[in-house]
PDB file of all heavy atoms in Angstrom:
ATOM      1  N   ALA A   1      30.059  -7.363 -20.004  1.00  0.00           N
ATOM      2  CA  ALA A   1      30.748  -8.658 -19.949  1.00  0.00           C
ATOM      3  C   ALA A   1      32.266  -8.530 -20.017  1.00  0.00           C
ATOM      4  O   ALA A   1      32.975  -9.126 -19.188  1.00  0.00           O
ATOM      5  CB  ALA A   1      30.230  -9.568 -21.067  1.00  0.00           C
ATOM      6  N   PRO A   2      32.840  -7.764 -20.976  1.00  0.00           N
ATOM      7  CA  PRO A   2      34.304  -7.631 -20.989  1.00  0.00           C
ATOM      8  C   PRO A   2      34.850  -6.993 -19.719  1.00  0.00           C
ATOM      9  O   PRO A   2      35.938  -7.379 -19.249  1.00  0.00           O
ATOM     10  CB  PRO A   2      34.566  -6.746 -22.211  1.00  0.00           C
ATOM     11  CG  PRO A   2      33.350  -6.903 -23.067  1.00  0.00           C
ATOM     12  CD  PRO A   2      32.220  -7.078 -22.129  1.00  0.00           C
ATOM     13  N   ALA A   3      34.098  -6.045 -19.139  1.00  0.00           N
ATOM     14  CA  ALA A   3      34.566  -5.395 -17.913  1.00  0.00           C
ATOM     15  C   ALA A   3      34.633  -6.393 -16.764  1.00  0.00           C
ATOM     16  O   ALA A   3      35.556  -6.347 -15.944  1.00  0.00           O
ATOM     17  CB  ALA A   3      33.624  -4.238 -17.560  1.00  0.00           C
ATOM     18  N   VAL A   4      33.673  -7.301 -16.705  1.00  0.00           N
ATOM     19  CA  VAL A   4      33.700  -8.310 -15.646  1.00  0.00           C
ATOM     20  C   VAL A   4      34.859  -9.278 -15.866  1.00  0.00           C
ATOM     21  O   VAL A   4      35.572  -9.641 -14.919  1.00  0.00           O
ATOM     22  CB  VAL A   4      32.350  -9.067 -15.603  1.00  0.00           C
ATOM     23  CG1 VAL A   4      32.414 -10.208 -14.586  1.00  0.00           C
ATOM     24  CG2 VAL A   4      31.207  -8.117 -15.259  1.00  0.00           C
ATOM     25  N   VAL A   5      35.071  -9.685 -17.099  1.00  0.00           N
ATOM     26  CA  VAL A   5      36.141 -10.643 -17.396  1.00  0.00           C
ATOM     27  C   VAL A   5      37.515 -10.067 -17.057  1.00  0.00           C
ATOM     28  O   VAL A   5      38.363 -10.743 -16.458  1.00  0.00           O
ATOM     29  CB  VAL A   5      36.080 -11.052 -18.883  1.00  0.00           C
ATOM     30  CG1 VAL A   5      37.302 -11.888 -19.256  1.00  0.00           C
ATOM     31  CG2 VAL A   5      34.805 -11.836 -19.155  1.00  0.00           C
ATOM     32  N   PHE A   6      37.713  -8.795 -17.405  1.00  0.00           N
ATOM     33  CA  PHE A   6      39.017  -8.164 -17.183  1.00  0.00           C
ATOM     34  C   PHE A   6      39.068  -7.370 -15.879  1.00  0.00           C
ATOM     35  O   PHE A   6      39.987  -6.571 -15.669  1.00  0.00           O
ATOM     36  CB  PHE A   6      39.362  -7.252 -18.365  1.00  0.00           C
ATOM     37  CG  PHE A   6      39.532  -7.992 -19.658  1.00  0.00           C
ATOM     38  CD1 PHE A   6      38.537  -7.956 -20.625  1.00  0.00           C
ATOM     39  CD2 PHE A   6      40.661  -8.765 -19.901  1.00  0.00           C
ATOM     40  CE1 PHE A   6      38.676  -8.640 -21.827  1.00  0.00           C
ATOM     41  CE2 PHE A   6      40.814  -9.446 -21.095  1.00  0.00           C
ATOM     42  CZ  PHE A   6      39.817  -9.394 -22.063  1.00  0.00           C
ATOM     43  N   ASN A   7      38.061  -7.582 -15.027  1.00  0.00           N
ATOM     44  CA  ASN A   7      38.039  -6.984 -13.692  1.00  0.00           C
ATOM     45  C   ASN A   7      38.147  -5.453 -13.737  1.00  0.00           C
ATOM     46  O   ASN A   7      38.847  -4.844 -12.925  1.00  0.00           O
ATOM     47  CB  ASN A   7      39.178  -7.568 -12.834  1.00  0.00           C
ATOM     48  CG  ASN A   7      38.918  -7.376 -11.346  1.00  0.00           C
ATOM     49  OD1 ASN A   7      37.762  -7.333 -10.917  1.00  0.00           O
ATOM     50  ND2 ASN A   7      39.974  -7.241 -10.573  1.00  0.00           N
ATOM     51  N   ASP A   8      37.442  -4.854 -14.665  1.00  0.00           N
ATOM     52  CA  ASP A   8      37.452  -3.395 -14.818  1.00  0.00           C
ATOM     53  C   ASP A   8      36.166  -2.837 -14.195  1.00  0.00           C
ATOM     54  O   ASP A   8      35.142  -2.684 -14.855  1.00  0.00           O
ATOM     55  CB  ASP A   8      37.543  -3.025 -16.299  1.00  0.00           C
ATOM     56  CG  ASP A   8      37.814  -1.545 -16.508  1.00  0.00           C
ATOM     57  OD1 ASP A   8      37.613  -0.759 -15.554  1.00  0.00           O
ATOM     58  OD2 ASP A   8      38.225  -1.162 -17.628  1.00  0.00           O
ATOM     59  N   GLU A   9      36.217  -2.537 -12.911  1.00  0.00           N
ATOM     60  CA  GLU A   9      35.033  -2.080 -12.196  1.00  0.00           C
ATOM     61  C   GLU A   9      34.576  -0.701 -12.676  1.00  0.00           C
ATOM     62  O   GLU A   9      33.375  -0.417 -12.699  1.00  0.00           O
ATOM     63  CB  GLU A   9      35.309  -2.053 -10.691  1.00  0.00           C
ATOM     64  CG  GLU A   9      35.570  -3.430 -10.097  1.00  0.00           C
ATOM     65  CD  GLU A   9      35.746  -3.374  -8.585  1.00  0.00           C
ATOM     66  OE1 GLU A   9      35.657  -2.249  -8.026  1.00  0.00           O
ATOM     67  OE2 GLU A   9      35.956  -4.436  -7.973  1.00  0.00           O
ATOM     68  N   GLN A  10      35.509   0.144 -13.057  1.00  0.00           N
ATOM     69  CA  GLN A  10      35.133   1.485 -13.519  1.00  0.00           C
ATOM     70  C   GLN A  10      34.326   1.409 -14.816  1.00  0.00           C
ATOM     71  O   GLN A  10      33.305   2.085 -14.971  1.00  0.00           O
ATOM     72  CB  GLN A  10      36.379   2.342 -13.729  1.00  0.00           C
ATOM     73  CG  GLN A  10      36.051   3.765 -14.177  1.00  0.00           C
ATOM     74  CD  GLN A  10      37.286   4.633 -14.316  1.00  0.00           C
ATOM     75  OE1 GLN A  10      38.407   4.210 -14.008  1.00  0.00           O
ATOM     76  NE2 GLN A  10      37.097   5.860 -14.787  1.00  0.00           N
ATOM     77  N   ALA A  11      34.775   0.578 -15.738  1.00  0.00           N
ATOM     78  CA  ALA A  11      34.045   0.428 -17.000  1.00  0.00           C
ATOM     79  C   ALA A  11      32.661  -0.158 -16.752  1.00  0.00           C
ATOM     80  O   ALA A  11      31.676   0.246 -17.384  1.00  0.00           O
ATOM     81  CB  ALA A  11      34.838  -0.455 -17.953  1.00  0.00           C
ATOM     82  N   ALA A  12      32.562  -1.100 -15.823  1.00  0.00           N
ATOM     83  CA  ALA A  12      31.264  -1.683 -15.506  1.00  0.00           C
ATOM     84  C   ALA A  12      30.330  -0.645 -14.890  1.00  0.00           C
ATOM     85  O   ALA A  12      29.144  -0.584 -15.214  1.00  0.00           O
ATOM     86  CB  ALA A  12      31.436  -2.868 -14.563  1.00  0.00           C
ATOM     87  N   ALA A  13      30.878   0.200 -14.000  1.00  0.00           N
ATOM     88  CA  ALA A  13      30.067   1.246 -13.380  1.00  0.00           C
ATOM     89  C   ALA A  13      29.591   2.259 -14.417  1.00  0.00           C
ATOM     90  O   ALA A  13      28.455   2.733 -14.359  1.00  0.00           O
ATOM     91  CB  ALA A  13      30.870   1.944 -12.290  1.00  0.00           C
ATOM     92  N   GLU A  14      30.450   2.578 -15.392  1.00  0.00           N
ATOM     93  CA  GLU A  14      30.048   3.504 -16.447  1.00  0.00           C
ATOM     94  C   GLU A  14      28.956   2.895 -17.319  1.00  0.00           C
ATOM     95  O   GLU A  14      28.057   3.602 -17.801  1.00  0.00           O
ATOM     96  CB  GLU A  14      31.267   3.865 -17.297  1.00  0.00           C
ATOM     97  CG  GLU A  14      32.291   4.718 -16.556  1.00  0.00           C
ATOM     98  CD  GLU A  14      33.547   4.966 -17.380  1.00  0.00           C
ATOM     99  OE1 GLU A  14      33.644   4.376 -18.488  1.00  0.00           O
ATOM    100  OE2 GLU A  14      34.421   5.727 -16.931  1.00  0.00           O
ATOM    101  N   THR A  15      29.007   1.594 -17.507  1.00  0.00           N
ATOM    102  CA  THR A  15      27.961   0.928 -18.287  1.00  0.00           C
ATOM    103  C   THR A  15      26.622   1.002 -17.564  1.00  0.00           C
ATOM    104  O   THR A  15      25.584   1.318 -18.162  1.00  0.00           O
ATOM    105  CB  THR A  15      28.342  -0.541 -18.531  1.00  0.00           C
ATOM    106  OG1 THR A  15      29.573  -0.593 -19.270  1.00  0.00           O
ATOM    107  CG2 THR A  15      27.251  -1.253 -19.324  1.00  0.00           C
ATOM    108  N   LEU A  16      26.636   0.740 -16.257  1.00  0.00           N
ATOM    109  CA  LEU A  16      25.396   0.816 -15.491  1.00  0.00           C
ATOM    110  C   LEU A  16      24.899   2.248 -15.351  1.00  0.00           C
ATOM    111  O   LEU A  16      23.695   2.478 -15.164  1.00  0.00           O
ATOM    112  CB  LEU A  16      25.590   0.207 -14.106  1.00  0.00           C
ATOM    113  CG  LEU A  16      25.745  -1.315 -14.038  1.00  0.00           C
ATOM    114  CD1 LEU A  16      25.899  -1.759 -12.588  1.00  0.00           C
ATOM    115  CD2 LEU A  16      24.551  -2.009 -14.672  1.00  0.00           C
ATOM    116  N   ALA A  17      25.794   3.229 -15.433  1.00  0.00           N
ATOM    117  CA  ALA A  17      25.388   4.630 -15.299  1.00  0.00           C
ATOM    118  C   ALA A  17      24.439   5.063 -16.409  1.00  0.00           C
ATOM    119  O   ALA A  17      23.713   6.048 -16.269  1.00  0.00           O
ATOM    120  CB  ALA A  17      26.624   5.530 -15.288  1.00  0.00           C
ATOM    121  N   ALA A  18      24.423   4.303 -17.513  1.00  0.00           N
ATOM    122  CA  ALA A  18      23.497   4.619 -18.598  1.00  0.00           C
ATOM    123  C   ALA A  18      22.041   4.464 -18.168  1.00  0.00           C
ATOM    124  O   ALA A  18      21.134   4.991 -18.813  1.00  0.00           O
ATOM    125  CB  ALA A  18      23.779   3.719 -19.808  1.00  0.00           C
ATOM    126  N   LEU A  19      21.819   3.779 -17.056  1.00  0.00           N
ATOM    127  CA  LEU A  19      20.452   3.622 -16.549  1.00  0.00           C
ATOM    128  C   LEU A  19      19.871   4.945 -16.063  1.00  0.00           C
ATOM    129  O   LEU A  19      18.653   5.027 -15.829  1.00  0.00           O
ATOM    130  CB  LEU A  19      20.427   2.596 -15.412  1.00  0.00           C
ATOM    131  CG  LEU A  19      20.768   1.156 -15.804  1.00  0.00           C
ATOM    132  CD1 LEU A  19      20.841   0.270 -14.563  1.00  0.00           C
ATOM    133  CD2 LEU A  19      19.725   0.611 -16.778  1.00  0.00           C
ATOM    134  N   GLU A  20      20.694   5.952 -15.874  1.00  0.00           N
ATOM    135  CA  GLU A  20      20.185   7.262 -15.487  1.00  0.00           C
ATOM    136  C   GLU A  20      19.223   7.820 -16.531  1.00  0.00           C
ATOM    137  O   GLU A  20      18.374   8.665 -16.217  1.00  0.00           O
ATOM    138  CB  GLU A  20      21.342   8.242 -15.288  1.00  0.00           C
ATOM    139  CG  GLU A  20      22.245   7.916 -14.107  1.00  0.00           C
ATOM    140  CD  GLU A  20      23.374   8.919 -13.954  1.00  0.00           C
ATOM    141  OE1 GLU A  20      23.455   9.841 -14.803  1.00  0.00           O
ATOM    142  OE2 GLU A  20      24.159   8.779 -13.007  1.00  0.00           O
ATOM    143  N   LEU A  21      19.357   7.351 -17.775  1.00  0.00           N
ATOM    144  CA  LEU A  21      18.461   7.808 -18.835  1.00  0.00           C
ATOM    145  C   LEU A  21      17.061   7.220 -18.679  1.00  0.00           C
ATOM    146  O   LEU A  21      16.145   7.635 -19.395  1.00  0.00           O
ATOM    147  CB  LEU A  21      19.044   7.425 -20.202  1.00  0.00           C
ATOM    148  CG  LEU A  21      20.429   7.996 -20.527  1.00  0.00           C
ATOM    149  CD1 LEU A  21      20.919   7.472 -21.865  1.00  0.00           C
ATOM    150  CD2 LEU A  21      20.386   9.523 -20.541  1.00  0.00           C
ATOM    151  N   ARG A  22      16.915   6.256 -17.782  1.00  0.00           N
ATOM    152  CA  ARG A  22      15.618   5.644 -17.526  1.00  0.00           C
ATOM    153  C   ARG A  22      15.180   6.035 -16.112  1.00  0.00           C
ATOM    154  O   ARG A  22      15.570   5.387 -15.140  1.00  0.00           O
ATOM    155  CB  ARG A  22      15.690   4.124 -17.660  1.00  0.00           C
ATOM    156  CG  ARG A  22      16.036   3.633 -19.045  1.00  0.00           C
ATOM    157  CD  ARG A  22      14.895   3.922 -20.021  1.00  0.00           C
ATOM    158  NE  ARG A  22      15.069   3.264 -21.301  1.00  0.00           N
ATOM    159  CZ  ARG A  22      15.741   3.767 -22.319  1.00  0.00           C
ATOM    160  NH1 ARG A  22      16.326   4.953 -22.194  1.00  0.00           N
ATOM    161  NH2 ARG A  22      15.839   3.111 -23.472  1.00  0.00           N
ATOM    162  N   PRO A  23      14.379   7.101 -15.957  1.00  0.00           N
ATOM    163  CA  PRO A  23      14.042   7.590 -14.614  1.00  0.00           C
ATOM    164  C   PRO A  23      13.233   6.605 -13.779  1.00  0.00           C
ATOM    165  O   PRO A  23      13.171   6.750 -12.561  1.00  0.00           O
ATOM    166  CB  PRO A  23      13.234   8.863 -14.903  1.00  0.00           C
ATOM    167  CG  PRO A  23      12.714   8.700 -16.290  1.00  0.00           C
ATOM    168  CD  PRO A  23      13.769   7.917 -17.018  1.00  0.00           C
ATOM    169  N   ARG A  24      12.618   5.610 -14.399  1.00  0.00           N
ATOM    170  CA  ARG A  24      11.837   4.640 -13.635  1.00  0.00           C
ATOM    171  C   ARG A  24      12.697   3.482 -13.115  1.00  0.00           C
ATOM    172  O   ARG A  24      12.211   2.666 -12.338  1.00  0.00           O
ATOM    173  CB  ARG A  24      10.717   4.057 -14.506  1.00  0.00           C
ATOM    174  CG  ARG A  24       9.782   5.093 -15.088  1.00  0.00           C
ATOM    175  CD  ARG A  24       8.880   5.696 -14.050  1.00  0.00           C
ATOM    176  NE  ARG A  24       7.969   6.676 -14.624  1.00  0.00           N
ATOM    177  CZ  ARG A  24       7.039   7.314 -13.949  1.00  0.00           C
ATOM    178  NH1 ARG A  24       6.881   7.066 -12.664  1.00  0.00           N
ATOM    179  NH2 ARG A  24       6.256   8.198 -14.532  1.00  0.00           N
ATOM    180  N   MET A  25      13.938   3.424 -13.554  1.00  0.00           N
ATOM    181  CA  MET A  25      14.815   2.345 -13.104  1.00  0.00           C
ATOM    182  C   MET A  25      15.288   2.649 -11.683  1.00  0.00           C
ATOM    183  O   MET A  25      15.861   3.703 -11.408  1.00  0.00           O
ATOM    184  CB  MET A  25      16.010   2.214 -14.046  1.00  0.00           C
ATOM    185  CG  MET A  25      16.799   0.945 -13.849  1.00  0.00           C
ATOM    186  SD  MET A  25      15.853  -0.547 -14.237  1.00  0.00           S
ATOM    187  CE  MET A  25      15.596  -0.342 -16.000  1.00  0.00           C
ATOM    188  N   ILE A  26      15.054   1.717 -10.765  1.00  0.00           N
ATOM    189  CA  ILE A  26      15.368   1.947  -9.360  1.00  0.00           C
ATOM    190  C   ILE A  26      16.803   1.569  -9.045  1.00  0.00           C
ATOM    191  O   ILE A  26      17.549   2.342  -8.432  1.00  0.00           O
ATOM    192  CB  ILE A  26      14.403   1.143  -8.461  1.00  0.00           C
ATOM    193  CG1 ILE A  26      12.958   1.581  -8.709  1.00  0.00           C
ATOM    194  CG2 ILE A  26      14.765   1.322  -6.987  1.00  0.00           C
ATOM    195  CD1 ILE A  26      11.938   0.746  -7.965  1.00  0.00           C
ATOM    196  N   VAL A  27      17.202   0.376  -9.446  1.00  0.00           N
ATOM    197  CA  VAL A  27      18.540  -0.106  -9.095  1.00  0.00           C
ATOM    198  C   VAL A  27      19.017  -1.078 -10.168  1.00  0.00           C
ATOM    199  O   VAL A  27      18.217  -1.773 -10.805  1.00  0.00           O
ATOM    200  CB  VAL A  27      18.519  -0.790  -7.704  1.00  0.00           C
ATOM    201  CG1 VAL A  27      17.654  -2.018  -7.724  1.00  0.00           C
ATOM    202  CG2 VAL A  27      19.922  -1.130  -7.228  1.00  0.00           C
ATOM    203  N   GLY A  28      20.320  -1.086 -10.381  1.00  0.00           N
ATOM    204  CA  GLY A  28      20.966  -2.042 -11.260  1.00  0.00           C
ATOM    205  C   GLY A  28      22.204  -2.590 -10.577  1.00  0.00           C
ATOM    206  O   GLY A  28      23.017  -1.817 -10.051  1.00  0.00           O
ATOM    207  N   CYS A  29      22.333  -3.910 -10.546  1.00  0.00           N
ATOM    208  CA  CYS A  29      23.436  -4.543  -9.824  1.00  0.00           C
ATOM    209  C   CYS A  29      24.119  -5.572 -10.730  1.00  0.00           C
ATOM    210  O   CYS A  29      23.451  -6.425 -11.320  1.00  0.00           O
ATOM    211  CB  CYS A  29      22.932  -5.246  -8.561  1.00  0.00           C
ATOM    212  SG  CYS A  29      21.913  -4.188  -7.497  1.00  0.00           S
ATOM    213  N   LEU A  30      25.426  -5.466 -10.808  1.00  0.00           N
ATOM    214  CA  LEU A  30      26.211  -6.391 -11.622  1.00  0.00           C
ATOM    215  C   LEU A  30      27.064  -7.242 -10.687  1.00  0.00           C
ATOM    216  O   LEU A  30      27.797  -6.717  -9.845  1.00  0.00           O
ATOM    217  CB  LEU A  30      27.102  -5.608 -12.589  1.00  0.00           C
ATOM    218  CG  LEU A  30      27.917  -6.423 -13.588  1.00  0.00           C
ATOM    219  CD1 LEU A  30      27.002  -7.182 -14.542  1.00  0.00           C
ATOM    220  CD2 LEU A  30      28.847  -5.495 -14.383  1.00  0.00           C
ATOM    221  N   TYR A  31      26.951  -8.566 -10.844  1.00  0.00           N
ATOM    222  CA  TYR A  31      27.682  -9.498  -9.987  1.00  0.00           C
ATOM    223  C   TYR A  31      28.694 -10.286 -10.819  1.00  0.00           C
ATOM    224  O   TYR A  31      28.447 -10.594 -11.983  1.00  0.00           O
ATOM    225  CB  TYR A  31      26.714 -10.483  -9.313  1.00  0.00           C
ATOM    226  CG  TYR A  31      25.646  -9.829  -8.474  1.00  0.00           C
ATOM    227  CD1 TYR A  31      24.408  -9.508  -9.024  1.00  0.00           C
ATOM    228  CD2 TYR A  31      25.880  -9.534  -7.137  1.00  0.00           C
ATOM    229  CE1 TYR A  31      23.416  -8.916  -8.254  1.00  0.00           C
ATOM    230  CE2 TYR A  31      24.893  -8.936  -6.363  1.00  0.00           C
ATOM    231  CZ  TYR A  31      23.669  -8.621  -6.928  1.00  0.00           C
ATOM    232  OH  TYR A  31      22.695  -8.037  -6.166  1.00  0.00           O
ATOM    233  N   SER A  32      29.819 -10.596 -10.190  1.00  0.00           N
ATOM    234  CA  SER A  32      30.828 -11.426 -10.845  1.00  0.00           C
ATOM    235  C   SER A  32      30.427 -12.893 -10.743  1.00  0.00           C
ATOM    236  O   SER A  32      29.417 -13.232 -10.114  1.00  0.00           O
ATOM    237  CB  SER A  32      32.202 -11.204 -10.204  1.00  0.00           C
ATOM    238  OG  SER A  32      32.159 -11.562  -8.831  1.00  0.00           O
ATOM    239  N   GLN A  33      31.231 -13.747 -11.340  1.00  0.00           N
ATOM    240  CA  GLN A  33      30.890 -15.176 -11.359  1.00  0.00           C
ATOM    241  C   GLN A  33      30.892 -15.779  -9.960  1.00  0.00           C
ATOM    242  O   GLN A  33      30.143 -16.721  -9.685  1.00  0.00           O
ATOM    243  CB  GLN A  33      31.862 -15.928 -12.261  1.00  0.00           C
ATOM    244  CG  GLN A  33      31.446 -17.366 -12.552  1.00  0.00           C
ATOM    245  CD  GLN A  33      32.330 -18.010 -13.609  1.00  0.00           C
ATOM    246  OE1 GLN A  33      33.393 -17.491 -13.941  1.00  0.00           O
ATOM    247  NE2 GLN A  33      31.889 -19.135 -14.154  1.00  0.00           N
ATOM    248  N   ASP A  34      31.712 -15.233  -9.059  1.00  0.00           N
ATOM    249  CA  ASP A  34      31.750 -15.740  -7.683  1.00  0.00           C
ATOM    250  C   ASP A  34      30.734 -15.038  -6.787  1.00  0.00           C
ATOM    251  O   ASP A  34      30.876 -15.044  -5.558  1.00  0.00           O
ATOM    252  CB  ASP A  34      33.158 -15.602  -7.096  1.00  0.00           C
ATOM    253  CG  ASP A  34      33.647 -14.155  -7.132  1.00  0.00           C
ATOM    254  OD1 ASP A  34      32.886 -13.280  -7.614  1.00  0.00           O
ATOM    255  OD2 ASP A  34      34.770 -13.891  -6.690  1.00  0.00           O
ATOM    256  N   GLU A  35      29.716 -14.405  -7.418  1.00  0.00           N
ATOM    257  CA  GLU A  35      28.602 -13.735  -6.731  1.00  0.00           C
ATOM    258  C   GLU A  35      29.050 -12.532  -5.917  1.00  0.00           C
ATOM    259  O   GLU A  35      28.396 -12.137  -4.943  1.00  0.00           O
ATOM    260  CB  GLU A  35      27.840 -14.731  -5.842  1.00  0.00           C
ATOM    261  CG  GLU A  35      27.211 -15.870  -6.628  1.00  0.00           C
ATOM    262  CD  GLU A  35      26.333 -16.750  -5.761  1.00  0.00           C
ATOM    263  OE1 GLU A  35      26.420 -16.639  -4.519  1.00  0.00           O
ATOM    264  OE2 GLU A  35      25.556 -17.551  -6.316  1.00  0.00           O
ATOM    265  N   ARG A  36      30.145 -11.924  -6.305  1.00  0.00           N
ATOM    266  CA  ARG A  36      30.605 -10.693  -5.658  1.00  0.00           C
ATOM    267  C   ARG A  36      29.963  -9.500  -6.359  1.00  0.00           C
ATOM    268  O   ARG A  36      29.846  -9.468  -7.579  1.00  0.00           O
ATOM    269  CB  ARG A  36      32.128 -10.603  -5.734  1.00  0.00           C
ATOM    270  CG  ARG A  36      32.707  -9.310  -5.157  1.00  0.00           C
ATOM    271  CD  ARG A  36      34.229  -9.394  -5.140  1.00  0.00           C
ATOM    272  NE  ARG A  36      34.765  -9.589  -6.481  1.00  0.00           N
ATOM    273  CZ  ARG A  36      35.090  -8.589  -7.308  1.00  0.00           C
ATOM    274  NH1 ARG A  36      34.894  -7.312  -6.933  1.00  0.00           N
ATOM    275  NH2 ARG A  36      35.582  -8.862  -8.504  1.00  0.00           N
ATOM    276  N   LEU A  37      29.503  -8.522  -5.579  1.00  0.00           N
ATOM    277  CA  LEU A  37      28.912  -7.309  -6.147  1.00  0.00           C
ATOM    278  C   LEU A  37      30.002  -6.529  -6.867  1.00  0.00           C
ATOM    279  O   LEU A  37      30.942  -6.038  -6.251  1.00  0.00           O
ATOM    280  CB  LEU A  37      28.269  -6.469  -5.048  1.00  0.00           C
ATOM    281  CG  LEU A  37      27.475  -5.237  -5.508  1.00  0.00           C
ATOM    282  CD1 LEU A  37      26.322  -5.649  -6.425  1.00  0.00           C
ATOM    283  CD2 LEU A  37      26.938  -4.465  -4.308  1.00  0.00           C
ATOM    284  N   PHE A  38      29.872  -6.417  -8.186  1.00  0.00           N
ATOM    285  CA  PHE A  38      30.940  -5.861  -9.013  1.00  0.00           C
ATOM    286  C   PHE A  38      30.717  -4.382  -9.325  1.00  0.00           C
ATOM    287  O   PHE A  38      31.650  -3.573  -9.285  1.00  0.00           O
ATOM    288  CB  PHE A  38      31.028  -6.667 -10.324  1.00  0.00           C
ATOM    289  CG  PHE A  38      32.289  -6.425 -11.093  1.00  0.00           C
ATOM    290  CD1 PHE A  38      33.481  -7.010 -10.713  1.00  0.00           C
ATOM    291  CD2 PHE A  38      32.277  -5.603 -12.210  1.00  0.00           C
ATOM    292  CE1 PHE A  38      34.653  -6.778 -11.428  1.00  0.00           C
ATOM    293  CE2 PHE A  38      33.431  -5.366 -12.931  1.00  0.00           C
ATOM    294  CZ  PHE A  38      34.628  -5.957 -12.537  1.00  0.00           C
ATOM    295  N   ALA A  39      29.508  -3.989  -9.654  1.00  0.00           N
ATOM    296  CA  ALA A  39      29.204  -2.592  -9.966  1.00  0.00           C
ATOM    297  C   ALA A  39      27.714  -2.375  -9.698  1.00  0.00           C
ATOM    298  O   ALA A  39      26.911  -3.310  -9.776  1.00  0.00           O
ATOM    299  CB  ALA A  39      29.545  -2.254 -11.410  1.00  0.00           C
ATOM    300  N   THR A  40      27.380  -1.112  -9.366  1.00  0.00           N
ATOM    301  CA  THR A  40      25.991  -0.816  -9.017  1.00  0.00           C
ATOM    302  C   THR A  40      25.539   0.515  -9.618  1.00  0.00           C
ATOM    303  O   THR A  40      26.352   1.386  -9.950  1.00  0.00           O
ATOM    304  CB  THR A  40      25.801  -0.736  -7.489  1.00  0.00           C
ATOM    305  OG1 THR A  40      26.601   0.344  -6.980  1.00  0.00           O
ATOM    306  CG2 THR A  40      26.209  -2.036  -6.820  1.00  0.00           C
ATOM    307  N   TYR A  41      24.230   0.614  -9.743  1.00  0.00           N
ATOM    308  CA  TYR A  41      23.571   1.890 -10.046  1.00  0.00           C
ATOM    309  C   TYR A  41      22.384   2.023  -9.111  1.00  0.00           C
ATOM    310  O   TYR A  41      21.588   1.079  -8.960  1.00  0.00           O
ATOM    311  CB  TYR A  41      23.068   1.944 -11.493  1.00  0.00           C
ATOM    312  CG  TYR A  41      22.052   3.047 -11.707  1.00  0.00           C
ATOM    313  CD1 TYR A  41      22.449   4.377 -11.835  1.00  0.00           C
ATOM    314  CD2 TYR A  41      20.681   2.763 -11.719  1.00  0.00           C
ATOM    315  CE1 TYR A  41      21.515   5.390 -11.980  1.00  0.00           C
ATOM    316  CE2 TYR A  41      19.747   3.777 -11.880  1.00  0.00           C
ATOM    317  CZ  TYR A  41      20.170   5.080 -12.012  1.00  0.00           C
ATOM    318  OH  TYR A  41      19.244   6.082 -12.153  1.00  0.00           O
ATOM    319  N   HIS A  42      22.252   3.169  -8.445  1.00  0.00           N
ATOM    320  CA  HIS A  42      21.150   3.416  -7.529  1.00  0.00           C
ATOM    321  C   HIS A  42      20.516   4.755  -7.881  1.00  0.00           C
ATOM    322  O   HIS A  42      21.208   5.785  -7.931  1.00  0.00           O
ATOM    323  CB  HIS A  42      21.634   3.458  -6.072  1.00  0.00           C
ATOM    324  CG  HIS A  42      22.264   2.184  -5.605  1.00  0.00           C
ATOM    325  ND1 HIS A  42      21.540   1.128  -5.101  1.00  0.00           N
ATOM    326  CD2 HIS A  42      23.569   1.798  -5.573  1.00  0.00           C
ATOM    327  CE1 HIS A  42      22.363   0.149  -4.767  1.00  0.00           C
ATOM    328  NE2 HIS A  42      23.602   0.532  -5.054  1.00  0.00           N
TER     329      HIS A  42
END
């Protein structure tokens, strides 16, 4: 949430990167309030 508010895409991407610890997780997508794709994990 703070990364989205302060437009810190790198911090948001690092947050989603924690999903690597879950091998069954396929994709994680973070969107901003204007529905813009903000950060992803694949």
